[in-house]
Amino acid sequence: MDPHSTGDLFSDEALQQPARREQIGEQSYVLRGYALPWLERLLPELRAVLAQSPFRQMVTPGGFTMSAALSSCGDLGWTTDRQGYRYSPIDPERHQPWPALPNVLRELATTAAAAAGFEGFAPDACLINRYVPGARMSLHQDKNERDFSAPVVSLSLGLPAVFLFGGHQRSDKTQKTSLFHGDVVVWGGVDRLRFHGVLPIKHGVHPRMGPQRINLTFRKAG
């Protein structure tokens, strides 16, 4: 399978794991296996979004090409170039609005947030990252949003990842949490601006998603 295609990503049966809630911070949780019951509805919608706005490698303001490829859906999408990091209603490659946020993705994010204690979450942006083996995400804060009262909801699909969850300073010690297909991480409140990242993805092939990890991050950005 071509690792850069999206047509064959969602073919095989998913691995199952027991659902449970695991606390990783004062107001931060991993909802293990939470998204698995949603996948039959979710994956076709995700495929349609990516057909409209395919993954692309973005460049940071410092001139570095990100190892994780990116797309978005919703009223706002996240973008980066030499002019800086920002949200935009327009896909800069297509010069058209980002695809609409599918209802099933909105429902998943809203109910997952509520399960972690954040009622009334109304995401207007969904960032979609694609990690092939070796790709990573350095420690960073999600701070381009206008209002930090809403949580961040992050869905993992495909290959396992090691999630780094730090403190409010980049130099603070990080804890490592393994994330698997169908896991959802929710953090907000006093934890909303904690630094976080992803260690390099190890080589492997997920039976449903192939040789990659896809991460959907829901935010209230506008």
C-alpha atoms as a PDB file:
ATOM      1  CA  MET A   1       0.000   0.000   0.000  1.00  0.00           C
ATOM      2  CA  ASP A   2       1.224   3.443  -0.873  1.00  0.00           C
ATOM      3  CA  PRO A   3       1.818   5.089   2.543  1.00  0.00           C
ATOM      4  CA  HIS A   4       0.884   8.476   1.068  1.00  0.00           C
ATOM      5  CA  SER A   5      -2.518   7.408  -0.226  1.00  0.00           C
ATOM      6  CA  THR A   6      -5.769   7.700   1.678  1.00  0.00           C
ATOM      7  CA  GLY A   7      -7.908   5.369  -0.397  1.00  0.00           C
ATOM      8  CA  ASP A   8      -6.988   2.105   1.357  1.00  0.00           C
ATOM      9  CA  LEU A   9      -6.494   3.308   4.915  1.00  0.00           C
ATOM     10  CA  PHE A  10      -9.656   1.997   6.490  1.00  0.00           C
ATOM     11  CA  SER A  11     -10.029  -1.598   5.260  1.00  0.00           C
ATOM     12  CA  ASP A  12      -9.244  -4.182   7.954  1.00  0.00           C
ATOM     13  CA  GLU A  13     -10.833  -4.932  11.313  1.00  0.00           C
ATOM     14  CA  ALA A  14      -9.668  -2.806  14.236  1.00  0.00           C
ATOM     15  CA  LEU A  15      -8.020  -4.147  17.331  1.00  0.00           C
ATOM     16  CA  GLN A  16     -10.272  -3.921  20.387  1.00  0.00           C
ATOM     17  CA  GLN A  17      -9.361  -2.837  23.907  1.00  0.00           C
ATOM     18  CA  PRO A  18     -11.412  -2.415  27.079  1.00  0.00           C
ATOM     19  CA  ALA A  19     -12.916   1.030  27.645  1.00  0.00           C
ATOM     20  CA  ARG A  20     -11.867   2.856  30.812  1.00  0.00           C
ATOM     21  CA  ARG A  21     -10.974   6.350  32.025  1.00  0.00           C
ATOM     22  CA  GLU A  22      -7.393   7.025  33.099  1.00  0.00           C
ATOM     23  CA  GLN A  23      -6.496  10.286  34.826  1.00  0.00           C
ATOM     24  CA  ILE A  24      -3.178  11.869  33.789  1.00  0.00           C
ATOM     25  CA  GLY A  25      -3.596  15.341  35.301  1.00  0.00           C
ATOM     26  CA  GLU A  26      -5.847  17.313  37.625  1.00  0.00           C
ATOM     27  CA  GLN A  27      -8.282  17.924  34.741  1.00  0.00           C
ATOM     28  CA  SER A  28      -6.831  15.581  32.136  1.00  0.00           C
ATOM     29  CA  TYR A  29      -7.948  12.094  31.128  1.00  0.00           C
ATOM     30  CA  VAL A  30      -7.278   9.326  28.637  1.00  0.00           C
ATOM     31  CA  LEU A  31     -10.549   7.674  27.623  1.00  0.00           C
ATOM     32  CA  ARG A  32      -9.280   4.253  26.614  1.00  0.00           C
ATOM     33  CA  GLY A  33     -11.013   2.772  23.588  1.00  0.00           C
ATOM     34  CA  TYR A  34     -13.648   5.503  23.689  1.00  0.00           C
ATOM     35  CA  ALA A  35     -13.851   6.012  19.921  1.00  0.00           C
ATOM     36  CA  LEU A  36     -13.984   2.351  18.873  1.00  0.00           C
ATOM     37  CA  PRO A  37     -17.805   2.184  18.739  1.00  0.00           C
ATOM     38  CA  TRP A  38     -17.819   5.299  16.539  1.00  0.00           C
ATOM     39  CA  LEU A  39     -15.394   4.106  13.861  1.00  0.00           C
ATOM     40  CA  GLU A  40     -17.845   2.656  11.348  1.00  0.00           C
ATOM     41  CA  ARG A  41     -19.530   6.064  11.130  1.00  0.00           C
ATOM     42  CA  LEU A  42     -16.391   8.124  11.605  1.00  0.00           C
ATOM     43  CA  LEU A  43     -13.897   6.679   9.129  1.00  0.00           C
ATOM     44  CA  PRO A  44     -15.904   7.249   5.918  1.00  0.00           C
ATOM     45  CA  GLU A  45     -16.436  10.874   6.948  1.00  0.00           C
ATOM     46  CA  LEU A  46     -12.740  11.282   7.663  1.00  0.00           C
ATOM     47  CA  ARG A  47     -11.876   9.794   4.279  1.00  0.00           C
ATOM     48  CA  ALA A  48     -14.210  12.314   2.579  1.00  0.00           C
ATOM     49  CA  VAL A  49     -12.602  15.237   4.424  1.00  0.00           C
ATOM     50  CA  LEU A  50      -9.122  14.128   3.370  1.00  0.00           C
ATOM     51  CA  ALA A  51     -10.239  13.721  -0.237  1.00  0.00           C
ATOM     52  CA  GLN A  52     -11.199  17.401  -0.199  1.00  0.00           C
ATOM     53  CA  SER A  53      -8.170  18.717   1.714  1.00  0.00           C
ATOM     54  CA  PRO A  54      -5.349  16.152   1.498  1.00  0.00           C
ATOM     55  CA  PHE A  55      -2.484  15.944   3.955  1.00  0.00           C
ATOM     56  CA  ARG A  56       0.427  18.280   3.346  1.00  0.00           C
ATOM     57  CA  GLN A  57       3.797  19.014   4.999  1.00  0.00           C
ATOM     58  CA  MET A  58       3.773  22.492   6.510  1.00  0.00           C
ATOM     59  CA  VAL A  59       6.757  24.731   7.253  1.00  0.00           C
ATOM     60  CA  THR A  60       7.285  26.399  10.634  1.00  0.00           C
ATOM     61  CA  PRO A  61       8.147  30.106  10.996  1.00  0.00           C
ATOM     62  CA  GLY A  62      11.738  28.984  11.550  1.00  0.00           C
ATOM     63  CA  GLY A  63      11.835  27.300   8.152  1.00  0.00           C
ATOM     64  CA  PHE A  64      11.617  23.693   9.337  1.00  0.00           C
ATOM     65  CA  THR A  65       9.328  21.226   7.555  1.00  0.00           C
ATOM     66  CA  MET A  66       7.099  19.446  10.073  1.00  0.00           C
ATOM     67  CA  SER A  67       7.489  15.650  10.117  1.00  0.00           C
ATOM     68  CA  ALA A  68       3.757  15.187  10.728  1.00  0.00           C
ATOM     69  CA  ALA A  69       1.544  15.980   7.740  1.00  0.00           C
ATOM     70  CA  LEU A  70      -1.527  18.131   8.366  1.00  0.00           C
ATOM     71  CA  SER A  71      -5.058  18.820   7.221  1.00  0.00           C
ATOM     72  CA  SER A  72      -8.090  20.359   8.947  1.00  0.00           C
ATOM     73  CA  CYS A  73     -11.846  20.576   8.904  1.00  0.00           C
ATOM     74  CA  GLY A  74     -14.349  22.889  10.560  1.00  0.00           C
ATOM     75  CA  ASP A  75     -14.890  26.629  10.487  1.00  0.00           C
ATOM     76  CA  LEU A  76     -11.190  27.177  11.134  1.00  0.00           C
ATOM     77  CA  GLY A  77      -8.078  25.229  10.217  1.00  0.00           C
ATOM     78  CA  TRP A  78      -4.611  25.524  11.683  1.00  0.00           C
ATOM     79  CA  THR A  79      -1.768  26.543   9.410  1.00  0.00           C
ATOM     80  CA  THR A  80       1.858  27.532   9.660  1.00  0.00           C
ATOM     81  CA  ASP A  81       4.377  29.149   7.350  1.00  0.00           C
ATOM     82  CA  ARG A  82       7.244  31.602   7.627  1.00  0.00           C
ATOM     83  CA  GLN A  83       4.751  34.302   8.670  1.00  0.00           C
ATOM     84  CA  GLY A  84       3.736  32.377  11.801  1.00  0.00           C
ATOM     85  CA  TYR A  85       1.201  30.002  13.339  1.00  0.00           C
ATOM     86  CA  ARG A  86      -2.481  30.860  13.004  1.00  0.00           C
ATOM     87  CA  TYR A  87      -6.029  29.703  12.378  1.00  0.00           C
ATOM     88  CA  SER A  88      -7.625  30.474   9.047  1.00  0.00           C
ATOM     89  CA  PRO A  89     -11.043  29.763   7.511  1.00  0.00           C
ATOM     90  CA  ILE A  90      -9.294  29.092   4.171  1.00  0.00           C
ATOM     91  CA  ASP A  91      -7.204  26.077   3.181  1.00  0.00           C
ATOM     92  CA  PRO A  92      -4.048  27.820   1.904  1.00  0.00           C
ATOM     93  CA  GLU A  93      -3.365  25.130  -0.718  1.00  0.00           C
ATOM     94  CA  ARG A  94      -6.885  24.958  -2.163  1.00  0.00           C
ATOM     95  CA  HIS A  95      -7.765  28.640  -1.596  1.00  0.00           C
ATOM     96  CA  GLN A  96     -11.205  27.472  -0.467  1.00  0.00           C
ATOM     97  CA  PRO A  97     -12.820  26.980   2.950  1.00  0.00           C
ATOM     98  CA  TRP A  98     -11.751  23.924   4.868  1.00  0.00           C
ATOM     99  CA  PRO A  99     -14.207  21.001   4.683  1.00  0.00           C
ATOM    100  CA  ALA A 100     -17.084  21.221   7.142  1.00  0.00           C
ATOM    101  CA  LEU A 101     -16.698  19.387  10.444  1.00  0.00           C
ATOM    102  CA  PRO A 102     -18.754  16.188  10.043  1.00  0.00           C
ATOM    103  CA  ASN A 103     -21.517  15.739  12.606  1.00  0.00           C
ATOM    104  CA  VAL A 104     -20.126  12.410  13.803  1.00  0.00           C
ATOM    105  CA  LEU A 105     -16.786  14.033  14.639  1.00  0.00           C
ATOM    106  CA  ARG A 106     -18.509  16.899  16.430  1.00  0.00           C
ATOM    107  CA  GLU A 107     -20.637  14.451  18.449  1.00  0.00           C
ATOM    108  CA  LEU A 108     -17.623  12.343  19.391  1.00  0.00           C
ATOM    109  CA  ALA A 109     -15.659  15.371  20.578  1.00  0.00           C
ATOM    110  CA  THR A 110     -18.596  16.788  22.534  1.00  0.00           C
ATOM    111  CA  THR A 111     -19.456  13.548  24.321  1.00  0.00           C
ATOM    112  CA  ALA A 112     -15.807  12.736  25.063  1.00  0.00           C
ATOM    113  CA  ALA A 113     -15.354  16.188  26.591  1.00  0.00           C
ATOM    114  CA  ALA A 114     -18.447  15.652  28.736  1.00  0.00           C
ATOM    115  CA  ALA A 115     -17.126  12.266  29.859  1.00  0.00           C
ATOM    116  CA  ALA A 116     -14.023  14.082  31.117  1.00  0.00           C
ATOM    117  CA  GLY A 117     -16.061  16.724  32.951  1.00  0.00           C
ATOM    118  CA  PHE A 118     -16.291  19.438  30.303  1.00  0.00           C
ATOM    119  CA  GLU A 119     -19.939  19.890  29.408  1.00  0.00           C
ATOM    120  CA  GLY A 120     -20.995  22.078  26.504  1.00  0.00           C
ATOM    121  CA  PHE A 121     -17.817  21.749  24.405  1.00  0.00           C
ATOM    122  CA  ALA A 122     -18.528  23.144  20.910  1.00  0.00           C
ATOM    123  CA  PRO A 123     -15.492  22.635  18.657  1.00  0.00           C
ATOM    124  CA  ASP A 124     -15.081  24.809  15.577  1.00  0.00           C
ATOM    125  CA  ALA A 125     -11.732  23.374  14.454  1.00  0.00           C
ATOM    126  CA  CYS A 126     -10.431  19.845  13.943  1.00  0.00           C
ATOM    127  CA  LEU A 127      -6.737  19.475  13.170  1.00  0.00           C
ATOM    128  CA  ILE A 128      -5.821  16.191  11.479  1.00  0.00           C
ATOM    129  CA  ASN A 129      -2.205  15.066  11.722  1.00  0.00           C
ATOM    130  CA  ARG A 130      -0.684  12.066   9.949  1.00  0.00           C
ATOM    131  CA  TYR A 131       2.390  10.452  11.473  1.00  0.00           C
ATOM    132  CA  VAL A 132       4.377   7.889   9.520  1.00  0.00           C
ATOM    133  CA  PRO A 133       7.071   5.919  11.399  1.00  0.00           C
ATOM    134  CA  GLY A 134       9.733   8.331  12.579  1.00  0.00           C
ATOM    135  CA  ALA A 135       7.442  11.372  12.609  1.00  0.00           C
ATOM    136  CA  ARG A 136       7.074  13.233  15.882  1.00  0.00           C
ATOM    137  CA  MET A 137       5.675  16.391  17.468  1.00  0.00           C
ATOM    138  CA  SER A 138       7.918  18.495  19.663  1.00  0.00           C
ATOM    139  CA  LEU A 139       6.731  19.882  22.979  1.00  0.00           C
ATOM    140  CA  HIS A 140       4.358  22.805  22.479  1.00  0.00           C
ATOM    141  CA  GLN A 141       1.350  24.570  23.963  1.00  0.00           C
ATOM    142  CA  ASP A 142      -1.980  24.937  22.166  1.00  0.00           C
ATOM    143  CA  LYS A 143      -2.250  28.690  22.604  1.00  0.00           C
ATOM    144  CA  ASN A 144      -3.423  30.131  19.281  1.00  0.00           C
ATOM    145  CA  GLU A 145      -7.055  29.825  20.384  1.00  0.00           C
ATOM    146  CA  ARG A 146      -8.939  32.929  21.562  1.00  0.00           C
ATOM    147  CA  ASP A 147     -10.509  31.321  24.642  1.00  0.00           C
ATOM    148  CA  PHE A 148      -8.745  28.812  26.878  1.00  0.00           C
ATOM    149  CA  SER A 149     -11.890  27.900  28.822  1.00  0.00           C
ATOM    150  CA  ALA A 150     -12.682  25.066  26.388  1.00  0.00           C
ATOM    151  CA  PRO A 151     -10.721  21.792  26.581  1.00  0.00           C
ATOM    152  CA  VAL A 152      -8.649  20.096  23.902  1.00  0.00           C
ATOM    153  CA  VAL A 153      -9.967  16.715  22.707  1.00  0.00           C
ATOM    154  CA  SER A 154      -7.487  14.467  20.889  1.00  0.00           C
ATOM    155  CA  LEU A 155      -8.352  11.192  19.111  1.00  0.00           C
ATOM    156  CA  SER A 156      -5.718   8.590  18.192  1.00  0.00           C
ATOM    157  CA  LEU A 157      -6.120   6.200  15.251  1.00  0.00           C
ATOM    158  CA  GLY A 158      -3.710   3.626  13.893  1.00  0.00           C
ATOM    159  CA  LEU A 159      -0.206   2.937  15.184  1.00  0.00           C
ATOM    160  CA  PRO A 160       0.528   3.442  18.886  1.00  0.00           C
ATOM    161  CA  ALA A 161       2.129   6.661  20.075  1.00  0.00           C
ATOM    162  CA  VAL A 162       3.879   7.819  23.222  1.00  0.00           C
ATOM    163  CA  PHE A 163       2.224  11.050  24.364  1.00  0.00           C
ATOM    164  CA  LEU A 164       4.382  13.471  26.334  1.00  0.00           C
ATOM    165  CA  PHE A 165       2.454  15.542  28.877  1.00  0.00           C
ATOM    166  CA  GLY A 166       4.481  18.215  30.612  1.00  0.00           C
ATOM    167  CA  GLY A 167       3.888  21.232  32.798  1.00  0.00           C
ATOM    168  CA  HIS A 168       3.350  24.919  32.132  1.00  0.00           C
ATOM    169  CA  GLN A 169       7.023  25.515  31.353  1.00  0.00           C
ATOM    170  CA  ARG A 170       8.853  23.771  28.518  1.00  0.00           C
ATOM    171  CA  SER A 171      11.549  22.698  30.977  1.00  0.00           C
ATOM    172  CA  ASP A 172       9.084  20.944  33.309  1.00  0.00           C
ATOM    173  CA  LYS A 173       9.309  17.180  33.604  1.00  0.00           C
ATOM    174  CA  THR A 174       7.081  15.242  31.210  1.00  0.00           C
ATOM    175  CA  GLN A 175       5.136  12.074  31.821  1.00  0.00           C
ATOM    176  CA  LYS A 176       4.865   9.436  29.096  1.00  0.00           C
ATOM    177  CA  THR A 177       1.516   7.837  28.242  1.00  0.00           C
ATOM    178  CA  SER A 178       1.041   5.217  25.522  1.00  0.00           C
ATOM    179  CA  LEU A 179      -1.915   5.917  23.235  1.00  0.00           C
ATOM    180  CA  PHE A 180      -3.626   3.273  21.112  1.00  0.00           C
ATOM    181  CA  HIS A 181      -6.184   3.065  18.319  1.00  0.00           C
ATOM    182  CA  GLY A 182      -9.470   4.532  19.553  1.00  0.00           C
ATOM    183  CA  ASP A 183      -8.080   6.320  22.614  1.00  0.00           C
ATOM    184  CA  VAL A 184      -9.221   9.892  23.286  1.00  0.00           C
ATOM    185  CA  VAL A 185      -7.267  12.353  25.450  1.00  0.00           C
ATOM    186  CA  VAL A 186      -9.081  15.327  26.983  1.00  0.00           C
ATOM    187  CA  TRP A 187      -7.334  18.115  28.879  1.00  0.00           C
ATOM    188  CA  GLY A 188      -8.581  21.502  29.992  1.00  0.00           C
ATOM    189  CA  GLY A 189      -9.147  23.767  32.973  1.00  0.00           C
ATOM    190  CA  VAL A 190      -5.974  24.124  35.026  1.00  0.00           C
ATOM    191  CA  ASP A 191      -4.213  21.776  32.562  1.00  0.00           C
ATOM    192  CA  ARG A 192      -5.273  23.562  29.384  1.00  0.00           C
ATOM    193  CA  LEU A 193      -1.896  25.184  28.632  1.00  0.00           C
ATOM    194  CA  ARG A 194       0.349  22.303  29.609  1.00  0.00           C
ATOM    195  CA  PHE A 195       3.126  21.487  27.169  1.00  0.00           C
ATOM    196  CA  HIS A 196       2.647  18.255  25.239  1.00  0.00           C
ATOM    197  CA  GLY A 197       4.126  16.352  22.313  1.00  0.00           C
ATOM    198  CA  VAL A 198       4.580  12.951  20.682  1.00  0.00           C
ATOM    199  CA  LEU A 199       7.735  10.824  20.550  1.00  0.00           C
ATOM    200  CA  PRO A 200       8.797   9.437  17.136  1.00  0.00           C
ATOM    201  CA  ILE A 201       6.323   6.817  15.928  1.00  0.00           C
ATOM    202  CA  LYS A 202       7.774   3.315  15.814  1.00  0.00           C
ATOM    203  CA  HIS A 203       7.649   1.204  12.676  1.00  0.00           C
ATOM    204  CA  GLY A 204       4.625  -1.014  12.299  1.00  0.00           C
ATOM    205  CA  VAL A 205       1.430  -1.650  10.370  1.00  0.00           C
ATOM    206  CA  HIS A 206      -1.937  -1.234  12.039  1.00  0.00           C
ATOM    207  CA  PRO A 207      -4.480  -3.816  10.784  1.00  0.00           C
ATOM    208  CA  ARG A 208      -7.024  -1.136   9.934  1.00  0.00           C
ATOM    209  CA  MET A 209      -5.097   2.090   9.398  1.00  0.00           C
ATOM    210  CA  GLY A 210      -1.901   0.771   7.837  1.00  0.00           C
ATOM    211  CA  PRO A 211       1.638   2.068   8.505  1.00  0.00           C
ATOM    212  CA  GLN A 212       0.635   5.322  10.162  1.00  0.00           C
ATOM    213  CA  ARG A 213      -0.979   7.118  13.069  1.00  0.00           C
ATOM    214  CA  ILE A 214      -3.715   9.677  12.457  1.00  0.00           C
ATOM    215  CA  ASN A 215      -4.523  12.140  15.222  1.00  0.00           C
ATOM    216  CA  LEU A 216      -7.612  14.369  15.266  1.00  0.00           C
ATOM    217  CA  THR A 217      -7.482  17.315  17.670  1.00  0.00           C
ATOM    218  CA  PHE A 218     -10.708  19.211  18.362  1.00  0.00           C
ATOM    219  CA  ARG A 219     -10.601  22.777  19.658  1.00  0.00           C
ATOM    220  CA  LYS A 220     -12.714  25.860  20.178  1.00  0.00           C
ATOM    221  CA  ALA A 221     -10.490  28.269  18.273  1.00  0.00           C
ATOM    222  CA  GLY A 222     -12.629  31.245  17.276  1.00  0.00           C
END
